[in-house]
Amino acid sequence: MTQKSAVGILAPLDFEARSAQILVQHGWQLRVSGMGVERARAAAEQMLASGVRRLLVWGTAGGLAPALQVGSLFLPDVLNDAQSGTRHEVSAAFHNELESALTQLDIPLIRSGILVTTTQPLFTPSEKAQAARESGALMVDMEAAAVAAVAAQAGAEFAVLRVLLDDAGASLPSTVVAAIETRHPHISVMTGLLKRPQELPAVLRLGRSFQHAHRSLTAAATVLATAQVNRLS
């Protein structure tokens, strides 16, 4: 018999999933999808087939609005697919339950706004600024719109919780992007820096941002573990 869970969490990366482990202990399902829209779509379909009734996209995002603070939590209410131009609204009841729980935290929480999903990472401030102008989004990811489309087609509820990893004025080092999904990312980063030592300051900055983001996500998971969001009716 398939074990049913109220909420299935989709995290693109292992480090993002680790921050949500406490939720697994409280009956939530958790799946590492991998980066990108195709992987996210496949993982969402698998989770719905397993019996979850709600999908929650979980993890980090890039900043597009200059005033945002690294480590801030973001509950977008609108998702924009940059490739197709399709817009999705999150499930209001699910979104509101998450918001109600997360307001307990002493962490900046953006309760609404647009999240845009792109098919490629945005490496530079100029790329981020262009995406902001075209979409009106506060942050960018590479998965949420695909999950939204799957949920909408299945008639399932969905929501998104992202934490700001890199701000709008920061360049994303290609060394880190290339290493993220390797088996040994730390070794890959070191190897990459031997080829591109000029990226060392950006890599160190991003490392501090990863730690900050992990703390914010872990705090969010701890609060949600004791909330009513995962209760089956």
Foldseek 3Di string as FASTA:
>chain_A
DQDAWQEEEEEQAPLFQVLQVLLVVLRYHYDHQHAAAVSLLVVLVVNVVSHYQEYEYTEAWAFLDQVDDQLEKEWEQWEAEPVPRDIFGADVVLLVLLVVLVVVDPGHYHSYFYEYAYGDDDFALVSSNVCCVVPVGGTYGRHDVSSRVNCVVVVGGYTYMYGHQYHSHAGHDPQQVVQRPDPDSVVSSVVVCVVVVVCVVVVVSSVVSSVSNSVSSSVSSVSVSPGCSTDDD
